Protein backbone atom coordinates (compact mmCIF):
# COMPACT_ATOMS: atom_id res chain seq x y z
CA MET A 1 17.09 -29.02 27.59
CA PRO A 2 14.89 -28.98 24.42
CA ARG A 3 14.53 -32.69 22.96
CA GLU A 4 16.53 -33.39 19.83
CA GLY A 5 14.84 -32.47 16.64
CA VAL A 6 12.30 -30.29 18.59
CA VAL A 7 11.69 -26.67 16.88
CA ILE A 8 10.98 -24.13 19.69
CA ARG A 9 9.22 -21.07 18.41
CA ARG A 10 9.29 -18.19 20.22
CA MET A 11 6.67 -15.58 20.99
CA PRO A 12 6.91 -11.96 18.95
CA SER A 13 9.28 -9.75 20.38
CA ARG A 14 7.79 -6.57 21.25
CA GLU A 15 9.14 -4.92 18.49
CA ALA A 16 7.53 -7.42 15.90
CA LEU A 17 4.23 -7.23 18.20
CA ARG A 18 4.17 -3.70 17.22
CA GLY A 19 5.34 -3.76 13.69
CA HIS A 20 1.96 -6.05 13.29
CA GLY A 21 -0.24 -3.60 15.06
CA ALA A 22 1.66 -0.92 12.78
CA MET A 23 0.83 -3.09 9.57
CA LEU A 24 -2.97 -3.90 10.67
CA LEU A 25 -4.00 -0.36 10.95
CA PHE A 26 -1.98 0.17 7.65
CA SER A 27 -4.60 -2.03 6.06
CA LEU A 28 -7.53 -0.24 7.64
CA LEU A 29 -6.54 3.25 6.51
CA VAL A 30 -5.44 1.89 3.23
CA ALA A 31 -8.93 0.49 2.67
CA GLY A 32 -10.61 3.85 3.31
CA SER A 33 -8.67 5.56 0.53
CA PHE A 34 -10.56 2.79 -1.78
CA SER A 35 -13.92 3.92 -0.67
CA LEU A 36 -13.41 7.81 -0.68
CA GLY A 37 -11.39 7.80 -3.16
CA ALA A 38 -13.72 6.15 -5.81
CA MET A 39 -16.31 8.83 -4.36
CA ALA A 40 -14.26 12.03 -5.44
CA ALA A 41 -11.91 10.20 -8.35
CA GLY A 42 -14.36 11.85 -10.88
CA GLU A 43 -14.32 15.07 -9.64
CA ILE A 44 -10.76 15.90 -9.96
CA ALA A 45 -7.68 15.44 -11.88
CA PRO A 46 -5.65 12.65 -10.12
CA ALA A 47 -2.40 14.55 -10.29
CA ALA A 48 -3.73 17.89 -8.87
CA LEU A 49 -5.89 15.66 -5.94
CA ASN A 50 -2.56 13.72 -4.77
CA ALA A 51 -0.35 17.23 -5.17
CA LEU A 52 -2.90 18.60 -2.56
CA ARG A 53 -2.65 16.13 -0.31
CA PHE A 54 0.96 15.50 -0.65
CA ALA A 55 1.45 18.96 0.08
CA ILE A 56 -0.77 18.75 3.12
CA ALA A 57 1.08 15.51 4.30
CA ALA A 58 4.17 17.15 3.63
CA ALA A 59 3.40 19.57 5.81
CA ILE A 60 2.11 17.14 8.69
CA VAL A 61 5.03 15.05 9.18
CA GLY A 62 7.72 17.83 8.55
CA ALA A 63 5.72 19.54 11.57
CA LEU A 64 6.64 16.53 13.29
CA ALA A 65 10.05 15.71 11.89
CA ALA A 66 10.96 19.34 13.09
CA VAL A 67 9.27 18.89 16.89
CA ARG A 68 11.39 15.50 17.16
CA GLY A 69 14.14 17.30 16.16
CA ASP A 70 14.92 14.89 12.82
CA LEU A 71 15.11 17.90 10.02
CA ALA A 72 18.59 17.71 10.42
CA ARG A 73 20.84 18.18 7.37
CA ARG A 74 23.00 14.91 7.63
CA HIS A 75 19.46 13.23 7.38
CA PHE A 76 18.77 14.11 3.88
CA ARG A 77 22.33 13.33 2.31
CA ALA A 78 22.18 12.16 -1.36
CA PRO A 79 18.17 13.86 -1.92
CA TRP A 80 17.91 12.36 -6.01
CA ARG A 81 17.05 8.99 -3.45
CA PHE A 82 13.55 10.59 -2.12
CA LEU A 83 12.84 12.01 -5.53
CA VAL A 84 12.78 8.25 -6.75
CA LEU A 85 10.96 6.99 -3.66
CA GLY A 86 8.95 9.59 -3.89
CA GLY A 87 8.12 9.71 -7.57
CA LEU A 88 7.56 5.81 -7.33
CA PHE A 89 4.73 6.44 -4.40
CA ALA A 90 3.49 9.93 -6.68
CA ALA A 91 2.90 7.39 -9.76
CA TYR A 92 1.37 4.70 -8.06
CA PHE A 93 -1.18 7.36 -6.79
CA VAL A 94 -2.10 8.77 -9.71
CA PHE A 95 -2.65 5.75 -11.78
CA MET A 96 -5.07 4.21 -8.41
CA PHE A 97 -7.32 6.97 -8.75
CA GLU A 98 -7.35 7.29 -12.43
CA GLY A 99 -8.67 3.41 -12.23
CA LEU A 100 -11.09 3.84 -9.72
CA LYS A 101 -13.04 6.58 -12.20
CA THR A 102 -14.05 2.96 -12.90
CA ALA A 103 -13.35 0.39 -10.80
CA PRO A 104 -15.27 -0.76 -7.96
CA PRO A 105 -13.64 -0.14 -4.65
CA VAL A 106 -13.33 -3.88 -3.94
CA SER A 107 -12.29 -4.98 -7.34
CA ALA A 108 -9.28 -2.19 -7.43
CA ALA A 109 -8.56 -3.54 -3.48
CA ALA A 110 -8.43 -6.95 -4.92
CA VAL A 111 -5.71 -5.61 -7.65
CA PHE A 112 -3.73 -4.06 -5.04
CA THR A 113 -3.36 -7.64 -2.91
CA LEU A 114 -1.39 -8.74 -6.51
CA THR A 115 1.00 -6.09 -5.06
CA PRO A 116 2.92 -8.35 -2.99
CA PHE A 117 3.53 -11.03 -5.93
CA MET A 118 5.12 -8.23 -8.13
CA ALA A 119 7.42 -7.19 -4.72
CA ALA A 120 8.60 -10.66 -4.74
CA PHE A 121 9.61 -10.35 -8.18
CA PHE A 122 11.46 -6.90 -7.70
CA GLY A 123 12.74 -8.06 -4.47
CA TRP A 124 14.26 -10.92 -6.34
CA GLY A 125 15.86 -8.65 -8.92
CA LEU A 126 16.87 -5.58 -6.61
CA LEU A 127 18.15 -7.49 -3.87
CA GLY A 128 18.54 -10.69 -4.62
CA GLN A 129 16.17 -12.51 -2.14
CA THR A 130 14.37 -15.62 -2.81
CA PRO A 131 11.02 -16.46 -1.42
CA PRO A 132 10.89 -19.52 0.11
CA LEU A 133 8.53 -22.17 -1.36
CA ARG A 134 5.73 -21.15 1.30
CA ILE A 135 5.94 -18.15 0.39
CA LEU A 136 5.82 -18.16 -3.16
CA ALA A 137 2.50 -20.92 -2.52
CA ALA A 138 0.83 -17.84 -0.40
CA LEU A 139 1.96 -15.27 -3.01
CA ALA A 140 0.19 -17.68 -5.45
CA LEU A 141 -2.92 -18.00 -3.44
CA GLY A 142 -3.62 -14.61 -2.74
CA ALA A 143 -3.10 -14.12 -6.42
CA ALA A 144 -6.10 -16.63 -7.66
CA GLY A 145 -8.48 -14.83 -4.49
CA ALA A 146 -7.01 -11.55 -6.22
CA LEU A 147 -8.59 -12.68 -9.92
CA TRP A 148 -11.45 -14.29 -8.76
CA VAL A 149 -12.73 -10.89 -7.38
CA ILE A 150 -11.08 -9.12 -10.21
CA PHE A 151 -13.08 -11.20 -12.67
CA ARG A 152 -16.32 -10.81 -10.01
CA GLY A 153 -16.16 -14.72 -9.67
CA ASP A 154 -17.31 -14.92 -13.38
CA PRO A 155 -14.83 -18.08 -14.49
CA ALA A 156 -15.88 -17.28 -18.38
CA ALA A 157 -14.78 -13.67 -17.56
CA LEU A 158 -11.69 -15.23 -16.47
CA LEU A 159 -10.93 -17.12 -19.58
CA GLN A 160 -11.61 -14.46 -21.80
CA LEU A 161 -9.47 -12.34 -19.89
CA ALA A 162 -12.30 -9.74 -19.63
CA ILE A 163 -10.32 -7.39 -17.33
CA GLY A 164 -11.89 -3.35 -16.46
CA ARG A 165 -10.08 -0.63 -17.90
CA GLY A 166 -9.91 0.80 -14.40
CA GLU A 167 -8.39 -2.40 -12.67
CA LEU A 168 -5.98 -2.56 -15.40
CA ILE A 169 -4.43 0.97 -15.18
CA TYR A 170 -4.67 0.63 -11.73
CA LEU A 171 -2.81 -2.82 -11.80
CA VAL A 172 -0.08 -0.90 -13.84
CA GLY A 173 -0.19 1.46 -10.75
CA CYS A 174 0.69 -1.24 -7.83
CA ALA A 175 3.69 -2.12 -9.82
CA PHE A 176 5.15 0.95 -9.46
CA HIS A 177 3.83 0.62 -5.18
CA ALA A 178 5.83 -3.39 -4.90
CA LEU A 179 8.76 -1.37 -6.92
CA TYR A 180 8.60 0.95 -4.02
CA THR A 181 8.94 -1.49 -1.24
CA PRO A 182 12.28 -3.30 -2.01
CA MET A 183 13.41 0.72 -2.84
CA VAL A 184 12.96 1.27 0.57
CA ARG A 185 15.42 -1.00 2.21
CA ARG A 186 17.93 -0.02 -1.10
CA LEU A 187 18.33 3.51 -0.52
CA ASN A 188 17.63 4.03 3.39
CA ARG A 189 20.77 5.07 4.73
CA GLY A 190 19.54 4.45 8.53
CA GLU A 191 17.73 7.91 8.84
CA PRO A 192 14.99 8.28 11.43
CA ALA A 193 11.60 7.44 9.96
CA THR A 194 9.76 11.06 10.33
CA ALA A 195 12.82 12.33 7.99
CA PHE A 196 12.68 9.68 6.07
CA THR A 197 8.87 9.63 5.16
CA PHE A 198 9.34 13.33 4.28
CA GLY A 199 11.75 13.44 2.20
CA THR A 200 9.51 10.77 0.42
CA ILE A 201 6.22 12.68 0.70
CA LEU A 202 8.40 15.98 -0.50
CA GLY A 203 9.94 14.39 -3.54
CA GLY A 204 6.50 13.04 -4.18
CA LEU A 205 5.08 16.47 -4.02
CA LEU A 206 7.94 18.06 -6.61
CA VAL A 207 6.96 15.14 -9.36
CA LEU A 208 3.67 15.79 -8.93
CA VAL A 209 3.84 19.53 -9.20
CA PHE A 210 5.88 19.29 -12.39
CA TRP A 211 3.86 16.10 -14.14
CA GLY A 212 0.61 17.88 -13.25
CA TRP A 213 1.34 21.45 -13.43
CA SER A 214 -1.77 22.09 -15.80
CA ASP A 215 -4.17 19.95 -13.86
CA LEU A 216 -3.41 22.11 -10.71
CA TRP A 217 -3.98 25.17 -12.70
CA ARG A 218 -7.09 24.27 -14.77
CA THR A 219 -8.64 23.05 -11.44
CA GLY A 220 -11.64 25.16 -10.21
CA TRP A 221 -10.58 24.67 -6.71
CA ALA A 222 -13.75 26.58 -5.18
CA GLU A 223 -16.04 24.69 -7.03
CA LEU A 224 -15.19 20.78 -5.93
CA PRO A 225 -17.95 19.31 -4.15
CA PRO A 226 -17.54 18.58 -0.22
CA ILE A 227 -16.52 15.19 -0.98
CA VAL A 228 -13.30 15.86 -2.74
CA TRP A 229 -11.83 18.09 0.27
CA ILE A 230 -13.61 14.98 2.64
CA ALA A 231 -11.32 12.69 0.59
CA VAL A 232 -7.96 14.96 0.53
CA LEU A 233 -7.96 15.17 3.55
CA TYR A 234 -8.47 11.92 4.79
CA LEU A 235 -6.08 11.02 1.91
CA ALA A 236 -3.56 13.62 3.52
CA VAL A 237 -3.60 12.80 7.04
CA PHE A 238 -4.22 8.81 7.76
CA ALA A 239 -3.50 7.38 3.94
CA SER A 240 -0.32 9.30 3.49
CA SER A 241 0.96 10.31 6.44
CA ALA A 242 0.39 7.87 9.17
CA THR A 243 0.37 5.13 6.61
CA PHE A 244 3.73 6.10 5.66
CA LEU A 245 5.08 6.10 8.99
CA LEU A 246 3.28 2.46 9.75
CA LEU A 247 5.30 1.26 6.69
CA GLN A 248 8.54 2.65 7.64
CA PHE A 249 7.96 1.67 10.89
CA ALA A 250 7.06 -1.96 10.45
CA THR A 251 9.73 -2.77 7.59
CA LEU A 252 12.37 -2.72 9.98
CA ARG A 253 10.80 -4.68 12.06
CA LEU A 254 9.16 -7.14 10.44
CA PRO A 255 10.63 -9.53 7.45
CA SER A 256 9.03 -8.10 4.23
CA SER A 257 6.99 -11.21 3.37
CA LYS A 258 4.95 -10.13 6.53
CA VAL A 259 5.12 -6.71 5.78
CA MET A 260 3.49 -7.62 2.48
CA ALA A 261 1.24 -9.82 4.21
CA TYR A 262 -1.21 -7.51 5.06
CA THR A 263 -2.12 -6.21 1.70
CA TYR A 264 -4.23 -9.56 2.11
CA LEU A 265 -6.61 -8.07 4.21
CA THR A 266 -6.92 -4.74 1.81
CA PRO A 267 -10.30 -6.29 0.70
CA VAL A 268 -11.88 -7.25 4.02
CA TRP A 269 -11.42 -3.67 5.32
CA VAL A 270 -13.17 -1.94 2.28
CA LEU A 271 -15.84 -4.27 2.43
CA VAL A 272 -16.43 -3.46 5.87
CA TRP A 273 -15.66 0.52 4.69
CA GLU A 274 -18.50 -0.15 1.89
CA PHE A 275 -20.89 -1.54 4.42
CA ALA A 276 -20.35 1.40 6.66
CA LEU A 277 -21.09 3.96 3.81
CA GLY A 278 -23.87 2.30 2.97
CA HIS A 279 -22.64 1.22 -0.85
CA ALA A 280 -24.01 -1.71 -2.81
CA LEU A 281 -21.53 -4.92 -2.11
CA PRO A 282 -20.57 -7.52 -4.63
CA PRO A 283 -22.08 -10.62 -5.22
CA ALA A 284 -22.18 -13.09 -2.88
CA ARG A 285 -20.03 -14.98 -5.22
CA VAL A 286 -17.22 -12.66 -5.19
CA ALA A 287 -16.11 -13.84 -1.05
CA LEU A 288 -14.41 -16.91 -2.09
CA GLY A 289 -11.86 -14.59 -3.87
CA VAL A 290 -11.68 -12.97 -0.21
CA VAL A 291 -11.21 -16.28 1.86
CA LEU A 292 -8.53 -17.01 -0.72
CA THR A 293 -6.55 -14.01 0.88
CA LEU A 294 -7.30 -14.61 3.92
CA ALA A 295 -5.87 -17.71 3.80
CA ALA A 296 -2.91 -16.40 1.24
CA LEU A 297 -2.50 -13.78 4.41
CA GLY A 298 -2.74 -17.08 7.23
CA LEU A 299 0.51 -18.83 5.30
CA LEU A 300 2.38 -15.98 5.18
CA LEU A 301 1.87 -14.80 9.03
CA ARG A 302 2.39 -18.58 10.18
CA PRO A 303 6.02 -18.62 11.61
CA ALA A 304 8.28 -21.51 9.75
CA PRO A 305 10.69 -23.43 11.58
CA GLY A 306 13.75 -20.90 10.74
CA ASP A 307 11.74 -18.30 12.02
CA ALA A 308 12.63 -19.38 16.04
CA GLY A 309 15.45 -17.22 15.86
CA HIS A 310 13.59 -14.15 14.12
CA PRO A 311 12.10 -11.36 16.12
CA GLY A 312 9.28 -11.39 13.50
């Protein structure tokens, strides 16, 4: 018998561990989209690039759903839900690639780490979720680290709010991404992950075709440089199909705060990508912001007394 007052912390369940593994891979794959996306962003209109990657991703996930027998009509009731969710993600990606035309990949990744802070706000407004003080402290710490990276470790630039245009554009996109997370919980009706993901990607594709029709028509597809096709294939296979599935998988196995915690790994992975691709790294003083975001990750993943009975 445990002594009174002693909190027993159970090991995470197998499903929770699988959720953590999914999010670890998610953060690595997402980071690649910053480095490759920045290399391709100036070569093609964001709406055209993302319409193509969504079309490829829809074919991949749709084929997977068909093989698994998940394309039954009952899984696609109320199709407006997929237009809403797909539209949110489409808007996020368009703003992301517009921002990457001028924002350095590491700086853009730091902007991405502000997403959990915004997601907590939307979760409170849409789902009535009130994060505990520990979570709010972690979000504040992560936001501080993100701001340090965004302003390149320059306190004077921070005081003057001298934020780059690309970072500001991408910040708007991150608001759409943050809204997407609680909307998944609100609109999911128990569909299989592949069916729900396919519907979301298809909804995003329809929004992008309507939104970027003129860009699609004007793009000289045959003249695009190889980096665009490399980026499109990576984004479609890994940063769309795989990450959609991983995010849906983890969201149903972990608390929202722990799912979003892995966002704070993105700048670290981007540094790894930038080094591997032979790109210049930011000044060393920027590393302080990365350390703060890692500290925020640790706070968010640390079990709390109330988590003893939670599978996550």
